PDB file of N, CA and C in Angstrom:
ATOM      1  N   MET A   1       5.296  -6.052 116.687  1.00  0.00           N
ATOM      2  CA  MET A   1       5.622  -6.745 117.910  1.00  0.00           C
ATOM      3  C   MET A   1       4.400  -7.524 118.395  1.00  0.00           C
ATOM      4  N   GLN A   2       4.631  -8.757 118.756  1.00  0.00           N
ATOM      5  CA  GLN A   2       3.530  -9.644 119.133  1.00  0.00           C
ATOM      6  C   GLN A   2       3.432  -9.736 120.657  1.00  0.00           C
ATOM      7  N   ALA A   3       2.231  -9.617 121.181  1.00  0.00           N
ATOM      8  CA  ALA A   3       2.013  -9.743 122.629  1.00  0.00           C
ATOM      9  C   ALA A   3       1.972 -11.211 123.017  1.00  0.00           C
ATOM     10  N   THR A   4       2.527 -11.523 124.167  1.00  0.00           N
ATOM     11  CA  THR A   4       2.496 -12.904 124.648  1.00  0.00           C
ATOM     12  C   THR A   4       1.386 -13.048 125.673  1.00  0.00           C
ATOM     13  N   MET A   5       0.650 -14.130 125.554  1.00  0.00           N
ATOM     14  CA  MET A   5      -0.399 -14.417 126.516  1.00  0.00           C
ATOM     15  C   MET A   5      -0.082 -15.759 127.163  1.00  0.00           C
ATOM     16  N   LYS A   6      -0.087 -15.767 128.471  1.00  0.00           N
ATOM     17  CA  LYS A   6       0.178 -16.999 129.204  1.00  0.00           C
ATOM     18  C   LYS A   6      -0.965 -17.275 130.158  1.00  0.00           C
ATOM     19  N   ALA A   7      -1.537 -18.442 130.010  1.00  0.00           N
ATOM     20  CA  ALA A   7      -2.590 -18.875 130.925  1.00  0.00           C
ATOM     21  C   ALA A   7      -1.939 -19.542 132.133  1.00  0.00           C
ATOM     22  N   VAL A   8      -2.622 -19.470 133.265  1.00  0.00           N
ATOM     23  CA  VAL A   8      -2.136 -20.074 134.504  1.00  0.00           C
ATOM     24  C   VAL A   8      -3.092 -21.179 134.906  1.00  0.00           C
ATOM     25  N   CYS A   9      -2.549 -22.370 135.142  1.00  0.00           N
ATOM     26  CA  CYS A   9      -3.380 -23.486 135.602  1.00  0.00           C
ATOM     27  C   CYS A   9      -3.675 -23.266 137.081  1.00  0.00           C
ATOM     28  N   ILE A  10      -4.966 -23.161 137.418  1.00  0.00           N
ATOM     29  CA  ILE A  10      -5.330 -22.877 138.802  1.00  0.00           C
ATOM     30  C   ILE A  10      -6.015 -24.041 139.514  1.00  0.00           C
ATOM     31  N   ALA A  11      -6.435 -25.068 138.765  1.00  0.00           N
ATOM     32  CA  ALA A  11      -7.080 -26.222 139.409  1.00  0.00           C
ATOM     33  C   ALA A  11      -7.194 -27.373 138.411  1.00  0.00           C
ATOM     34  N   GLY A  12      -7.524 -28.519 138.947  1.00  0.00           N
ATOM     35  CA  GLY A  12      -7.759 -29.697 138.120  1.00  0.00           C
ATOM     36  C   GLY A  12      -8.735 -30.616 138.827  1.00  0.00           C
ATOM     37  N   ARG A  13      -9.349 -31.471 138.049  1.00  0.00           N
ATOM     38  CA  ARG A  13     -10.288 -32.441 138.648  1.00  0.00           C
ATOM     39  C   ARG A  13     -10.385 -33.666 137.745  1.00  0.00           C
ATOM     40  N   ASP A  14     -10.814 -34.780 138.333  1.00  0.00           N
ATOM     41  CA  ASP A  14     -11.023 -36.025 137.599  1.00  0.00           C
ATOM     42  C   ASP A  14     -12.485 -36.145 137.217  1.00  0.00           C
ATOM     43  N   GLU A  15     -12.728 -36.592 136.012  1.00  0.00           N
ATOM     44  CA  GLU A  15     -14.096 -36.870 135.589  1.00  0.00           C
ATOM     45  C   GLU A  15     -14.065 -38.037 134.603  1.00  0.00           C
ATOM     46  N   ASN A  16     -14.406 -39.214 135.114  1.00  0.00           N
ATOM     47  CA  ASN A  16     -14.407 -40.440 134.319  1.00  0.00           C
ATOM     48  C   ASN A  16     -13.077 -40.626 133.607  1.00  0.00           C
ATOM     49  N   LYS A  17     -13.062 -40.625 132.299  1.00  0.00           N
ATOM     50  CA  LYS A  17     -11.833 -40.890 131.543  1.00  0.00           C
ATOM     51  C   LYS A  17     -11.004 -39.648 131.266  1.00  0.00           C
ATOM     52  N   PHE A  18     -11.436 -38.499 131.794  1.00  0.00           N
ATOM     53  CA  PHE A  18     -10.738 -37.238 131.548  1.00  0.00           C
ATOM     54  C   PHE A  18     -10.156 -36.635 132.818  1.00  0.00           C
ATOM     55  N   MET A  19      -9.038 -35.966 132.652  1.00  0.00           N
ATOM     56  CA  MET A  19      -8.538 -35.020 133.644  1.00  0.00           C
ATOM     57  C   MET A  19      -8.938 -33.669 133.077  1.00  0.00           C
ATOM     58  N   ILE A  20      -9.551 -32.835 133.897  1.00  0.00           N
ATOM     59  CA  ILE A  20      -9.985 -31.525 133.427  1.00  0.00           C
ATOM     60  C   ILE A  20      -9.182 -30.480 134.188  1.00  0.00           C
ATOM     61  N   PHE A  21      -8.464 -29.661 133.435  1.00  0.00           N
ATOM     62  CA  PHE A  21      -7.637 -28.616 134.020  1.00  0.00           C
ATOM     63  C   PHE A  21      -8.296 -27.267 133.784  1.00  0.00           C
ATOM     64  N   LEU A  22      -8.258 -26.434 134.800  1.00  0.00           N
ATOM     65  CA  LEU A  22      -8.826 -25.089 134.703  1.00  0.00           C
ATOM     66  C   LEU A  22      -7.697 -24.086 134.617  1.00  0.00           C
ATOM     67  N   TYR A  23      -7.702 -23.308 133.544  1.00  0.00           N
ATOM     68  CA  TYR A  23      -6.706 -22.261 133.332  1.00  0.00           C
ATOM     69  C   TYR A  23      -7.395 -20.907 133.388  1.00  0.00           C
ATOM     70  N   GLN A  24      -6.643 -19.906 133.845  1.00  0.00           N
ATOM     71  CA  GLN A  24      -7.133 -18.527 133.809  1.00  0.00           C
ATOM     72  C   GLN A  24      -6.218 -17.734 132.893  1.00  0.00           C
ATOM     73  N   LEU A  25      -6.833 -16.976 132.018  1.00  0.00           N
ATOM     74  CA  LEU A  25      -6.106 -16.106 131.092  1.00  0.00           C
ATOM     75  C   LEU A  25      -6.803 -14.756 131.102  1.00  0.00           C
ATOM     76  N   HIS A  26      -6.164 -13.788 131.716  1.00  0.00           N
ATOM     77  CA  HIS A  26      -6.746 -12.446 131.878  1.00  0.00           C
ATOM     78  C   HIS A  26      -8.103 -12.546 132.560  1.00  0.00           C
ATOM     79  N   ASP A  27      -9.171 -12.165 131.895  1.00  0.00           N
ATOM     80  CA  ASP A  27     -10.488 -12.137 132.548  1.00  0.00           C
ATOM     81  C   ASP A  27     -11.406 -13.285 132.124  1.00  0.00           C
ATOM     82  N   PHE A  28     -10.828 -14.382 131.626  1.00  0.00           N
ATOM     83  CA  PHE A  28     -11.665 -15.545 131.324  1.00  0.00           C
ATOM     84  C   PHE A  28     -10.945 -16.825 131.701  1.00  0.00           C
ATOM     85  N   TYR A  29     -11.689 -17.924 131.656  1.00  0.00           N
ATOM     86  CA  TYR A  29     -11.202 -19.241 132.057  1.00  0.00           C
ATOM     87  C   TYR A  29     -11.279 -20.200 130.877  1.00  0.00           C
ATOM     88  N   ILE A  30     -10.477 -21.256 130.942  1.00  0.00           N
ATOM     89  CA  ILE A  30     -10.481 -22.284 129.904  1.00  0.00           C
ATOM     90  C   ILE A  30     -10.419 -23.641 130.599  1.00  0.00           C
ATOM     91  N   GLU A  31     -11.372 -24.507 130.281  1.00  0.00           N
ATOM     92  CA  GLU A  31     -11.305 -25.886 130.741  1.00  0.00           C
ATOM     93  C   GLU A  31     -10.659 -26.706 129.634  1.00  0.00           C
ATOM     94  N   VAL A  32      -9.646 -27.481 130.015  1.00  0.00           N
ATOM     95  CA  VAL A  32      -8.935 -28.339 129.070  1.00  0.00           C
ATOM     96  C   VAL A  32      -9.241 -29.782 129.457  1.00  0.00           C
ATOM     97  N   TYR A  33      -9.895 -30.503 128.540  1.00  0.00           N
ATOM     98  CA  TYR A  33     -10.251 -31.904 128.773  1.00  0.00           C
ATOM     99  C   TYR A  33      -9.164 -32.789 128.183  1.00  0.00           C
ATOM    100  N   TYR A  34      -8.428 -33.469 129.065  1.00  0.00           N
ATOM    101  CA  TYR A  34      -7.320 -34.330 128.654  1.00  0.00           C
ATOM    102  C   TYR A  34      -7.731 -35.788 128.836  1.00  0.00           C
ATOM    103  N   HIS A  35      -7.714 -36.550 127.737  1.00  0.00           N
ATOM    104  CA  HIS A  35      -8.083 -37.969 127.774  1.00  0.00           C
ATOM    105  C   HIS A  35      -6.900 -38.764 128.313  1.00  0.00           C
ATOM    106  N   ARG A  36      -7.091 -39.399 129.463  1.00  0.00           N
ATOM    107  CA  ARG A  36      -5.989 -40.119 130.117  1.00  0.00           C
ATOM    108  C   ARG A  36      -5.487 -41.312 129.329  1.00  0.00           C
ATOM    109  N   LYS A  37      -6.392 -42.133 128.859  1.00  0.00           N
ATOM    110  CA  LYS A  37      -5.985 -43.376 128.205  1.00  0.00           C
ATOM    111  C   LYS A  37      -5.249 -43.124 126.892  1.00  0.00           C
ATOM    112  N   TYR A  38      -5.728 -42.191 126.098  1.00  0.00           N
ATOM    113  CA  TYR A  38      -5.152 -41.958 124.777  1.00  0.00           C
ATOM    114  C   TYR A  38      -4.232 -40.740 124.720  1.00  0.00           C
ATOM    115  N   SER A  39      -4.040 -40.065 125.833  1.00  0.00           N
ATOM    116  CA  SER A  39      -3.106 -38.935 125.964  1.00  0.00           C
ATOM    117  C   SER A  39      -3.288 -37.858 124.902  1.00  0.00           C
ATOM    118  N   TYR A  40      -4.476 -37.288 124.863  1.00  0.00           N
ATOM    119  CA  TYR A  40      -4.704 -36.171 123.950  1.00  0.00           C
ATOM    120  C   TYR A  40      -5.710 -35.200 124.560  1.00  0.00           C
ATOM    121  N   ILE A  41      -5.668 -33.977 124.084  1.00  0.00           N
ATOM    122  CA  ILE A  41      -6.632 -32.973 124.522  1.00  0.00           C
ATOM    123  C   ILE A  41      -7.865 -33.116 123.657  1.00  0.00           C
ATOM    124  N   SER A  42      -8.967 -33.412 124.294  1.00  0.00           N
ATOM    125  CA  SER A  42     -10.214 -33.682 123.598  1.00  0.00           C
ATOM    126  C   SER A  42     -11.030 -32.423 123.340  1.00  0.00           C
ATOM    127  N   GLU A  43     -10.932 -31.470 124.286  1.00  0.00           N
ATOM    128  CA  GLU A  43     -11.808 -30.304 124.177  1.00  0.00           C
ATOM    129  C   GLU A  43     -11.222 -29.132 124.951  1.00  0.00           C
ATOM    130  N   LEU A  44     -11.430 -27.927 124.437  1.00  0.00           N
ATOM    131  CA  LEU A  44     -11.104 -26.683 125.125  1.00  0.00           C
ATOM    132  C   LEU A  44     -12.393 -25.889 125.243  1.00  0.00           C
ATOM    133  N   LEU A  45     -12.778 -25.553 126.465  1.00  0.00           N
ATOM    134  CA  LEU A  45     -14.025 -24.821 126.677  1.00  0.00           C
ATOM    135  C   LEU A  45     -13.747 -23.493 127.373  1.00  0.00           C
ATOM    136  N   PRO A  46     -13.723 -22.395 126.638  1.00  0.00           N
ATOM    137  CA  PRO A  46     -13.523 -21.090 127.265  1.00  0.00           C
ATOM    138  C   PRO A  46     -14.836 -20.553 127.846  1.00  0.00           C
ATOM    139  N   PHE A  47     -14.735 -19.801 128.956  1.00  0.00           N
ATOM    140  CA  PHE A  47     -15.916 -19.154 129.532  1.00  0.00           C
ATOM    141  C   PHE A  47     -15.463 -17.978 130.379  1.00  0.00           C
ATOM    142  N   ASP A  48     -16.368 -17.056 130.616  1.00  0.00           N
ATOM    143  CA  ASP A  48     -16.026 -15.885 131.437  1.00  0.00           C
ATOM    144  C   ASP A  48     -16.948 -15.708 132.638  1.00  0.00           C
ATOM    145  N   SER A  49     -17.827 -16.637 132.848  1.00  0.00           N
ATOM    146  CA  SER A  49     -18.748 -16.572 133.983  1.00  0.00           C
ATOM    147  C   SER A  49     -18.181 -17.375 135.156  1.00  0.00           C
ATOM    148  N   THR A  50     -18.332 -16.863 136.347  1.00  0.00           N
ATOM    149  CA  THR A  50     -17.865 -17.594 137.522  1.00  0.00           C
ATOM    150  C   THR A  50     -18.797 -18.739 137.911  1.00  0.00           C
ATOM    151  N   ASP A  51     -19.954 -18.831 137.277  1.00  0.00           N
ATOM    152  CA  ASP A  51     -20.902 -19.915 137.563  1.00  0.00           C
ATOM    153  C   ASP A  51     -20.287 -21.293 137.332  1.00  0.00           C
ATOM    154  N   ARG A  52     -19.409 -21.413 136.362  1.00  0.00           N
ATOM    155  CA  ARG A  52     -18.830 -22.722 136.019  1.00  0.00           C
ATOM    156  C   ARG A  52     -17.630 -23.085 136.885  1.00  0.00           C
ATOM    157  N   LEU A  53     -17.305 -22.266 137.861  1.00  0.00           N
ATOM    158  CA  LEU A  53     -16.167 -22.550 138.743  1.00  0.00           C
ATOM    159  C   LEU A  53     -16.527 -23.466 139.910  1.00  0.00           C
ATOM    160  N   GLU A  54     -17.794 -23.710 140.110  1.00  0.00           N
ATOM    161  CA  GLU A  54     -18.280 -24.499 141.252  1.00  0.00           C
ATOM    162  C   GLU A  54     -17.494 -25.802 141.491  1.00  0.00           C
ATOM    163  N   PRO A  55     -17.251 -26.636 140.473  1.00  0.00           N
ATOM    164  CA  PRO A  55     -16.543 -27.900 140.737  1.00  0.00           C
ATOM    165  C   PRO A  55     -15.107 -27.720 141.230  1.00  0.00           C
ATOM    166  N   TYR A  56     -14.555 -26.531 141.093  1.00  0.00           N
ATOM    167  CA  TYR A  56     -13.157 -26.289 141.448  1.00  0.00           C
ATOM    168  C   TYR A  56     -12.974 -25.564 142.771  1.00  0.00           C
ATOM    169  N   LEU A  57     -14.016 -24.994 143.317  1.00  0.00           N
ATOM    170  CA  LEU A  57     -13.877 -24.086 144.451  1.00  0.00           C
ATOM    171  C   LEU A  57     -13.150 -24.686 145.647  1.00  0.00           C
ATOM    172  N   GLU A  58     -13.377 -25.943 145.940  1.00  0.00           N
ATOM    173  CA  GLU A  58     -12.708 -26.572 147.076  1.00  0.00           C
ATOM    174  C   GLU A  58     -11.234 -26.836 146.800  1.00  0.00           C
ATOM    175  N   LYS A  59     -10.831 -26.856 145.538  1.00  0.00           N
ATOM    176  CA  LYS A  59      -9.459 -27.213 145.187  1.00  0.00           C
ATOM    177  C   LYS A  59      -8.556 -26.013 144.920  1.00  0.00           C
ATOM    178  N   ILE A  60      -9.118 -24.819 144.803  1.00  0.00           N
ATOM    179  CA  ILE A  60      -8.303 -23.634 144.535  1.00  0.00           C
ATOM    180  C   ILE A  60      -7.740 -23.142 145.866  1.00  0.00           C
ATOM    181  N   PRO A  61      -6.412 -23.079 145.994  1.00  0.00           N
ATOM    182  CA  PRO A  61      -5.795 -22.681 147.257  1.00  0.00           C
ATOM    183  C   PRO A  61      -5.881 -21.176 147.514  1.00  0.00           C
ATOM    184  N   ILE A  62      -7.035 -20.734 147.975  1.00  0.00           N
ATOM    185  CA  ILE A  62      -7.271 -19.309 148.208  1.00  0.00           C
ATOM    186  C   ILE A  62      -6.378 -18.778 149.331  1.00  0.00           C
ATOM    187  N   SER A  63      -6.179 -19.538 150.385  1.00  0.00           N
ATOM    188  CA  SER A  63      -5.392 -19.063 151.526  1.00  0.00           C
ATOM    189  C   SER A  63      -3.964 -18.702 151.123  1.00  0.00           C
ATOM    190  N   LYS A  64      -3.362 -19.455 150.210  1.00  0.00           N
ATOM    191  CA  LYS A  64      -2.013 -19.140 149.751  1.00  0.00           C
ATOM    192  C   LYS A  64      -1.995 -17.865 148.933  1.00  0.00           C
ATOM    193  N   ALA A  65      -3.063 -17.611 148.221  1.00  0.00           N
ATOM    194  CA  ALA A  65      -3.136 -16.390 147.416  1.00  0.00           C
ATOM    195  C   ALA A  65      -3.319 -15.164 148.311  1.00  0.00           C
ATOM    196  N   LEU A  66      -4.031 -15.325 149.415  1.00  0.00           N
ATOM    197  CA  LEU A  66      -4.295 -14.207 150.303  1.00  0.00           C
ATOM    198  C   LEU A  66      -3.178 -13.961 151.310  1.00  0.00           C
ATOM    199  N   PHE A  67      -2.539 -15.046 151.723  1.00  0.00           N
ATOM    200  CA  PHE A  67      -1.495 -14.944 152.754  1.00  0.00           C
ATOM    201  C   PHE A  67      -0.216 -15.634 152.281  1.00  0.00           C
ATOM    202  N   PRO A  68       0.606 -14.945 151.504  1.00  0.00           N
ATOM    203  CA  PRO A  68       1.831 -15.563 150.976  1.00  0.00           C
ATOM    204  C   PRO A  68       2.849 -15.905 152.061  1.00  0.00           C
TER     205      PRO A  68
END
């Protein structure tokens, strides 16, 4: 039996020619670099440190998570 893993998109941001989406999967994060002009995923960057969350902090809707 195979376990299913589903990442949740928690934020996004614009950076030059890329849209960068932040996903959370269990205890780590994945940045997905999507090239707007050519419509392809250029890079996947996994990390588990909260240090790299800085660019997203203002965009993550914490209040909705705390007060449904």
